[in-house]
């Protein structure tokens, strides 16, 4: 259905899409997730050519729509787009909003457009609002009307760009219910969303976008339960990450202690847990540094907002050295008091092959 090769989109100060290549099959319902600014909406807009890609090619049903010789308006008739902001015409009634494009672009008669429009309004549960104007509707009702208007063109592909992000939380459910029903019709759909439970429930594929492209593509089960890549795992588990790099015995101990405190405060880590996070780092480094001939340590702390759990991972160079087995038992008694687990592993071939994970004891 849709084939994308080496799609790139540059703006003067940012390049949200660096290199996207993917195939989207007939009937796929794809949720597009990821941090803000990673090109999710840009991808949709490049697919329907509302944004012209800087480079790369896009095919729809075997037709290259990025070829300037093609009639883009004919291609767009195969695609419906639902925006965050509804984009209804305020001077037209609800039914007139829905009838307009089928009459103008598809050549349908007024009666045909009206009959189909009323059928779609019944589908989204708003037939009684046919003669109302948009400013008489709630946000959730406007978005349902926008979806009905898109369906009136009978598109093969439906692109939804954060369709619930502009809604009051009380109205999100009614729009999601309409989209869930739509997903059962067999149409090809791509939905940019920040609602993770919704994405998991509605999709057969999930694109996690990061680092200028589709960072990970998989089933909802894979992405949400068994993510294969590090950034995906951190995003799904809502992990906040602090990374410290030590390349000398004379590293700025006080400066790093300040970084840890600032990071904990920024992420609203509970005071007692914050103290333990700092203590685990300080005590581990105190045991580790004297044993390393050439200190080279990467220390990463991950804090989960969901579980309020913190974990340090210290990776260091040199020969195999398990500091938990070789260190001073009395000194390590302090660490054991503030951790739930300490685990050492050896990563063969890694530049920093020694790896120590320390799970900080929760409050």
Protein backbone atom coordinates (compact mmCIF):
# COMPACT_ATOMS: atom_id res chain seq x y z
CA UNK A 1 0.00 0.00 0.00
CA UNK A 2 2.61 2.60 1.09
CA UNK A 3 6.33 2.28 0.45
CA UNK A 4 8.82 4.85 1.74
CA UNK A 5 12.49 4.95 0.77
CA UNK A 6 15.13 7.16 2.41
CA UNK A 7 12.68 9.93 3.29
CA UNK A 8 14.35 13.05 4.65
CA UNK A 9 12.83 16.35 5.76
CA UNK A 10 14.96 19.34 6.70
CA UNK A 11 13.94 22.70 8.10
CA UNK A 12 16.34 25.66 8.56
CA UNK A 13 17.20 24.77 12.17
CA UNK A 14 16.22 21.12 12.54
CA UNK A 15 15.99 17.85 10.61
CA UNK A 16 13.15 15.80 12.14
CA UNK A 17 13.37 13.04 9.53
CA UNK A 18 16.88 11.95 8.55
CA UNK A 19 16.32 8.62 6.82
CA UNK A 20 12.99 6.77 6.89
CA UNK A 21 12.45 3.57 4.90
CA UNK A 22 9.44 1.37 5.62
CA UNK A 23 6.55 -0.52 4.01
CA UNK A 24 2.98 -0.17 5.26
CA UNK A 25 0.63 -2.94 4.21
CA UNK A 26 -3.07 -2.90 3.36
CA UNK A 27 -5.13 -2.96 6.55
CA UNK A 28 -2.27 -2.03 8.87
CA UNK A 29 -3.32 0.04 11.86
CA UNK A 30 -0.12 1.74 12.99
CA UNK A 31 0.33 3.87 16.08
CA UNK A 32 3.22 6.31 15.84
CA UNK A 33 4.71 7.13 19.24
CA UNK A 34 7.81 8.80 20.60
CA UNK A 35 9.07 11.95 22.32
CA UNK A 36 7.99 15.39 21.11
CA UNK A 37 10.00 16.72 18.18
CA UNK A 38 10.95 13.35 16.70
CA UNK A 39 9.11 13.83 13.40
CA UNK A 40 5.88 11.92 14.02
CA UNK A 41 3.53 14.53 12.56
CA UNK A 42 6.09 15.44 9.89
CA UNK A 43 6.06 11.83 8.69
CA UNK A 44 2.28 11.90 8.19
CA UNK A 45 2.42 15.24 6.43
CA UNK A 46 5.14 13.99 4.08
CA UNK A 47 3.10 10.89 3.27
CA UNK A 48 0.12 12.97 2.11
CA UNK A 49 2.47 15.57 0.58
CA UNK A 50 1.27 18.46 2.75
CA UNK A 51 5.02 18.75 3.40
CA UNK A 52 7.40 18.23 0.51
CA UNK A 53 10.25 15.91 1.53
CA UNK A 54 13.76 17.25 1.17
CA UNK A 55 14.70 13.95 -0.43
CA UNK A 56 13.46 10.39 -0.67
CA UNK A 57 10.54 8.71 -2.41
CA UNK A 58 7.00 7.65 -1.43
CA UNK A 59 4.76 5.21 -3.34
CA UNK A 60 1.04 4.64 -2.78
CA UNK A 61 -0.44 1.62 -4.57
CA UNK A 62 2.60 1.47 -6.81
CA UNK A 63 2.40 5.15 -7.83
CA UNK A 64 5.30 7.37 -6.81
CA UNK A 65 3.57 10.37 -5.29
CA UNK A 66 6.86 12.22 -4.83
CA UNK A 67 7.22 12.32 -8.62
CA UNK A 68 6.34 15.89 -9.69
CA UNK A 69 4.59 14.54 -12.81
CA UNK A 70 1.83 12.93 -10.76
CA UNK A 71 -1.47 14.63 -9.93
CA UNK A 72 -1.12 14.98 -6.17
CA UNK A 73 -4.79 15.93 -5.74
CA UNK A 74 -5.83 12.60 -7.26
CA UNK A 75 -3.49 10.77 -4.88
CA UNK A 76 -4.79 12.71 -1.87
CA UNK A 77 -8.30 11.49 -2.56
CA UNK A 78 -7.09 8.09 -1.41
CA UNK A 79 -5.98 9.59 1.90
CA UNK A 80 -7.97 11.21 4.66
CA UNK A 81 -6.30 13.41 7.27
CA UNK A 82 -7.64 14.15 10.73
CA UNK A 83 -5.88 17.01 12.52
CA UNK A 84 -5.56 18.08 16.15
CA UNK A 85 -7.54 21.28 15.55
CA UNK A 86 -10.65 19.95 13.73
CA UNK A 87 -10.47 22.53 10.87
CA UNK A 88 -14.26 22.69 10.43
CA UNK A 89 -15.79 25.57 8.50
CA UNK A 90 -17.52 27.74 11.08
CA UNK A 91 -20.03 29.26 8.62
CA UNK A 92 -21.35 25.86 7.55
CA UNK A 93 -23.58 23.46 9.48
CA UNK A 94 -22.27 20.06 10.49
CA UNK A 95 -23.92 18.27 7.56
CA UNK A 96 -22.73 20.96 5.13
CA UNK A 97 -19.15 20.47 6.37
CA UNK A 98 -19.41 16.77 5.58
CA UNK A 99 -21.14 17.22 2.19
CA UNK A 100 -18.76 19.84 0.79
CA UNK A 101 -15.80 17.74 -0.40
CA UNK A 102 -17.78 14.81 -1.84
CA UNK A 103 -19.78 17.27 -3.95
CA UNK A 104 -16.82 19.41 -5.03
CA UNK A 105 -14.17 16.71 -5.51
CA UNK A 106 -16.08 13.50 -6.16
CA UNK A 107 -18.95 15.01 -8.13
CA UNK A 108 -21.65 13.55 -5.92
CA UNK A 109 -25.14 15.02 -6.09
CA UNK A 110 -26.45 17.01 -3.16
CA UNK A 111 -28.82 14.19 -2.22
CA UNK A 112 -26.09 11.55 -2.41
CA UNK A 113 -23.76 13.64 -0.27
CA UNK A 114 -26.53 14.33 2.24
CA UNK A 115 -27.56 10.69 2.57
CA UNK A 116 -23.95 9.55 3.03
CA UNK A 117 -23.28 12.40 5.43
CA UNK A 118 -26.23 11.45 7.63
CA UNK A 119 -25.13 7.81 7.59
CA UNK A 120 -21.68 8.84 8.81
CA UNK A 121 -23.14 11.11 11.47
CA UNK A 122 -25.12 8.16 12.79
CA UNK A 123 -21.90 6.12 12.75
CA UNK A 124 -20.14 8.65 15.01
CA UNK A 125 -23.27 9.12 17.15
CA UNK A 126 -24.03 12.73 16.17
CA UNK A 127 -26.96 12.59 13.73
CA UNK A 128 -28.93 14.95 15.97
CA UNK A 129 -26.24 17.63 15.48
CA UNK A 130 -26.57 17.74 11.67
CA UNK A 131 -27.99 21.28 11.58
CA UNK A 132 -25.81 22.71 14.33
CA UNK A 133 -22.79 24.93 13.65
CA UNK A 134 -19.31 23.94 14.88
CA UNK A 135 -19.19 26.59 17.61
CA UNK A 136 -22.24 24.91 19.19
CA UNK A 137 -20.33 21.65 19.70
CA UNK A 138 -17.89 20.38 22.31
CA UNK A 139 -14.31 19.59 21.36
CA UNK A 140 -15.01 15.86 21.32
CA UNK A 141 -18.04 16.36 19.09
CA UNK A 142 -16.03 18.53 16.68
CA UNK A 143 -13.38 15.85 16.37
CA UNK A 144 -16.00 13.18 15.69
CA UNK A 145 -17.45 15.42 12.98
CA UNK A 146 -13.95 15.88 11.53
CA UNK A 147 -13.58 12.08 11.38
CA UNK A 148 -16.98 11.75 9.65
CA UNK A 149 -15.94 14.43 7.14
CA UNK A 150 -12.78 12.47 6.37
CA UNK A 151 -14.75 9.24 5.89
CA UNK A 152 -17.13 10.99 3.49
CA UNK A 153 -14.35 10.90 0.87
CA UNK A 154 -14.14 7.09 1.30
CA UNK A 155 -10.32 7.10 1.60
CA UNK A 156 -8.24 3.92 1.49
CA UNK A 157 -5.77 5.43 3.96
CA UNK A 158 -6.57 7.49 7.06
CA UNK A 159 -3.90 9.57 8.79
CA UNK A 160 -4.72 10.90 12.26
CA UNK A 161 -2.38 13.47 13.79
CA UNK A 162 -2.81 13.41 17.59
CA UNK A 163 -6.62 13.43 17.25
CA UNK A 164 -7.25 13.69 21.01
CA UNK A 165 -4.41 16.00 22.11
CA UNK A 166 -6.51 19.20 21.94
CA UNK A 167 -9.43 17.72 23.88
CA UNK A 168 -10.49 18.00 27.47
CA UNK A 169 -9.68 14.66 29.19
CA UNK A 170 -13.40 13.99 29.65
CA UNK A 171 -13.89 14.02 25.87
CA UNK A 172 -10.97 11.79 24.86
CA UNK A 173 -12.87 8.53 25.34
CA UNK A 174 -15.68 9.37 22.93
CA UNK A 175 -13.23 10.10 20.09
CA UNK A 176 -11.13 7.02 20.85
CA UNK A 177 -14.27 4.88 20.70
CA UNK A 178 -15.00 6.12 17.16
CA UNK A 179 -11.39 5.45 16.08
CA UNK A 180 -11.51 1.95 17.58
CA UNK A 181 -14.60 1.17 15.51
CA UNK A 182 -12.92 2.64 12.44
CA UNK A 183 -9.88 0.41 12.96
CA UNK A 184 -12.11 -2.64 12.56
CA UNK A 185 -13.18 -1.65 9.03
CA UNK A 186 -9.99 -2.86 7.33
CA UNK A 187 -8.81 0.58 6.25
CA UNK A 188 -5.12 1.37 6.47
CA UNK A 189 -4.53 3.80 9.35
CA UNK A 190 -1.64 5.69 10.91
CA UNK A 191 -2.27 7.42 14.22
CA UNK A 192 0.16 9.77 15.95
CA UNK A 193 -0.68 9.57 19.64
CA UNK A 194 0.69 10.12 23.13
CA UNK A 195 -1.97 7.81 24.62
CA UNK A 196 0.01 4.62 25.18
CA UNK A 197 -2.89 2.42 26.33
CA UNK A 198 -4.89 3.51 23.29
CA UNK A 199 -1.95 2.81 20.96
CA UNK A 200 -1.53 -0.64 22.42
CA UNK A 201 -5.21 -1.51 22.15
CA UNK A 202 -5.88 -0.28 18.63
CA UNK A 203 -2.78 -1.20 16.60
CA UNK A 204 -1.30 -4.22 14.90
CA UNK A 205 2.02 -2.32 14.49
CA UNK A 206 3.73 0.42 16.46
CA UNK A 207 6.42 2.80 15.19
CA UNK A 208 8.61 4.27 17.91
CA UNK A 209 10.26 7.36 16.42
CA UNK A 210 13.57 8.77 17.61
CA UNK A 211 16.97 9.83 16.27
CA UNK A 212 15.51 11.06 12.99
CA UNK A 213 13.59 7.99 11.93
CA UNK A 214 11.61 4.88 12.87
CA UNK A 215 13.85 3.74 15.71
CA UNK A 216 11.86 0.55 16.36
CA UNK A 217 8.99 -1.09 14.47
CA UNK A 218 7.11 -3.97 16.04
CA UNK A 219 3.89 -5.41 17.36
CA UNK A 220 2.25 -3.75 20.37
CA UNK A 221 3.39 -6.70 22.50
CA UNK A 222 7.01 -6.25 21.43
CA UNK A 223 7.12 -2.48 21.78
CA UNK A 224 5.24 -2.23 25.08
CA UNK A 225 6.40 -5.43 26.81
CA UNK A 226 9.68 -6.44 25.19
CA UNK A 227 11.27 -3.41 23.49
CA UNK A 228 14.46 -4.39 21.69
CA UNK A 229 16.28 -1.06 21.78
CA UNK A 230 17.39 1.17 24.62
CA UNK A 231 15.57 4.42 23.76
CA UNK A 232 12.32 2.54 23.25
CA UNK A 233 12.68 0.85 26.63
CA UNK A 234 13.35 4.15 28.36
CA UNK A 235 10.38 5.85 26.70
CA UNK A 236 7.90 3.04 27.37
CA UNK A 237 8.92 2.73 31.01
CA UNK A 238 9.00 6.51 31.40
CA UNK A 239 12.60 6.40 32.52
CA UNK A 240 14.51 9.56 33.34
CA UNK A 241 18.20 9.15 32.62
CA UNK A 242 21.35 10.77 34.02
CA UNK A 243 24.72 9.96 32.46
CA UNK A 244 28.07 10.77 34.07
CA UNK A 245 31.48 10.09 32.54
CA UNK A 246 34.65 9.77 34.62
CA UNK A 247 38.04 9.69 32.90
CA UNK A 248 40.38 10.59 35.76
CA UNK A 249 40.99 9.79 39.41
CA UNK A 250 40.78 13.53 39.98
CA UNK A 251 37.23 13.86 38.63
CA UNK A 252 35.03 16.65 39.96
CA UNK A 253 33.37 14.72 42.77
CA UNK A 254 31.49 17.73 44.17
CA UNK A 255 30.36 18.81 40.71
CA UNK A 256 28.93 15.37 39.98
CA UNK A 257 27.23 15.25 43.37
CA UNK A 258 25.58 18.54 42.43
CA UNK A 259 24.50 17.13 39.06
CA UNK A 260 22.88 14.15 40.75
CA UNK A 261 21.02 16.38 43.22
CA UNK A 262 19.80 18.72 40.47
CA UNK A 263 18.63 15.80 38.34
CA UNK A 264 16.78 14.21 41.26
CA UNK A 265 15.08 17.49 42.12
CA UNK A 266 14.08 18.09 38.50
CA UNK A 267 12.46 14.64 38.31
CA UNK A 268 10.79 14.96 41.72
CA UNK A 269 12.64 12.03 43.25
CA UNK A 270 11.59 11.65 46.89
CA UNK A 271 14.18 13.15 49.30
CA UNK A 272 15.04 9.85 51.01
CA UNK A 273 15.44 8.07 47.67
CA UNK A 274 17.54 10.99 46.39
CA UNK A 275 19.91 10.54 49.32
CA UNK A 276 20.22 6.84 48.54
CA UNK A 277 20.86 7.52 44.84
CA UNK A 278 23.71 9.85 45.79
CA UNK A 279 25.09 7.46 48.42
CA UNK A 280 25.11 4.47 46.03
CA UNK A 281 27.14 6.45 43.48
CA UNK A 282 29.57 7.83 46.05
CA UNK A 283 30.23 4.54 47.83
CA UNK A 284 30.58 2.54 44.59
CA UNK A 285 33.05 5.01 43.11
CA UNK A 286 35.03 5.05 46.35
CA UNK A 287 35.46 1.27 46.09
CA UNK A 288 35.97 1.16 42.33
CA UNK A 289 38.46 3.94 41.59
CA UNK A 290 41.48 2.61 43.56
CA UNK A 291 41.23 -0.73 41.72
CA UNK A 292 41.30 0.67 38.19
CA UNK A 293 44.67 1.28 36.55
CA UNK A 294 43.24 3.68 33.95
CA UNK A 295 39.93 5.05 35.26
CA UNK A 296 37.31 5.16 32.53
CA UNK A 297 33.80 4.85 33.93
CA UNK A 298 30.38 5.57 32.47
CA UNK A 299 27.74 5.86 35.20
CA UNK A 300 24.07 5.89 34.16
CA UNK A 301 21.18 6.32 36.57
CA UNK A 302 17.65 5.47 35.43
CA UNK A 303 14.62 6.55 37.44
CA UNK A 304 11.16 5.22 36.63
CA UNK A 305 8.25 7.57 37.26
CA UNK A 306 5.90 4.58 37.15
CA UNK A 307 7.57 2.45 39.80
CA UNK A 308 9.60 5.14 41.63
CA UNK A 309 12.58 2.82 41.23
CA UNK A 310 16.17 4.00 40.61
CA UNK A 311 19.02 1.93 39.22
CA UNK A 312 22.68 2.72 38.62
CA UNK A 313 24.64 1.01 35.83
CA UNK A 314 28.40 1.53 35.98
CA UNK A 315 30.41 0.40 32.96
CA UNK A 316 34.20 0.46 33.23
CA UNK A 317 37.25 -0.56 31.25
CA UNK A 318 40.23 -2.77 31.99
CA UNK A 319 40.53 -6.45 32.78
CA UNK A 320 37.62 -8.41 34.22
CA UNK A 321 37.05 -7.06 37.71
CA UNK A 322 34.01 -7.74 39.88
CA UNK A 323 34.24 -5.05 42.49
CA UNK A 324 31.45 -6.63 44.56
CA UNK A 325 33.52 -9.80 45.00
CA UNK A 326 36.87 -8.10 45.37
CA UNK A 327 36.03 -5.08 47.48
CA UNK A 328 36.22 -4.55 51.20
CA UNK A 329 33.30 -6.40 52.80
CA UNK A 330 32.95 -3.82 55.58
CA UNK A 331 32.83 -0.97 53.09
CA UNK A 332 30.24 -2.80 50.98
CA UNK A 333 27.99 -3.24 54.00
CA UNK A 334 26.95 0.41 53.50
CA UNK A 335 25.99 -0.32 49.90
CA UNK A 336 24.05 -3.41 50.84
CA UNK A 337 22.02 -1.31 53.23
CA UNK A 338 20.81 1.04 50.49
CA UNK A 339 20.44 -1.38 47.55
CA UNK A 340 18.03 -4.20 46.75
CA UNK A 341 20.42 -5.87 44.31
CA UNK A 342 23.98 -5.69 42.98
CA UNK A 343 24.89 -7.64 39.86
CA UNK A 344 28.17 -7.79 37.94
CA UNK A 345 28.52 -8.95 34.31
CA UNK A 346 31.22 -9.05 31.63
CA UNK A 347 30.36 -7.70 28.15
CA UNK A 348 32.86 -9.33 25.82
CA UNK A 349 34.00 -6.99 23.04
CA UNK A 350 32.51 -3.87 24.61
CA UNK A 351 34.85 -0.87 25.04
CA UNK A 352 33.77 -0.82 28.71
CA UNK A 353 33.27 -4.54 29.31
CA UNK A 354 32.80 -4.54 33.08
CA UNK A 355 29.22 -3.77 34.03
CA UNK A 356 27.80 -3.30 37.50
CA UNK A 357 24.07 -2.80 38.12
CA UNK A 358 22.88 -1.53 41.48
CA UNK A 359 19.17 -1.29 42.24
CA UNK A 360 18.58 1.44 44.81
CA UNK A 361 16.34 0.43 47.69
CA UNK A 362 12.98 2.16 47.42
CA UNK A 363 11.63 4.32 50.20
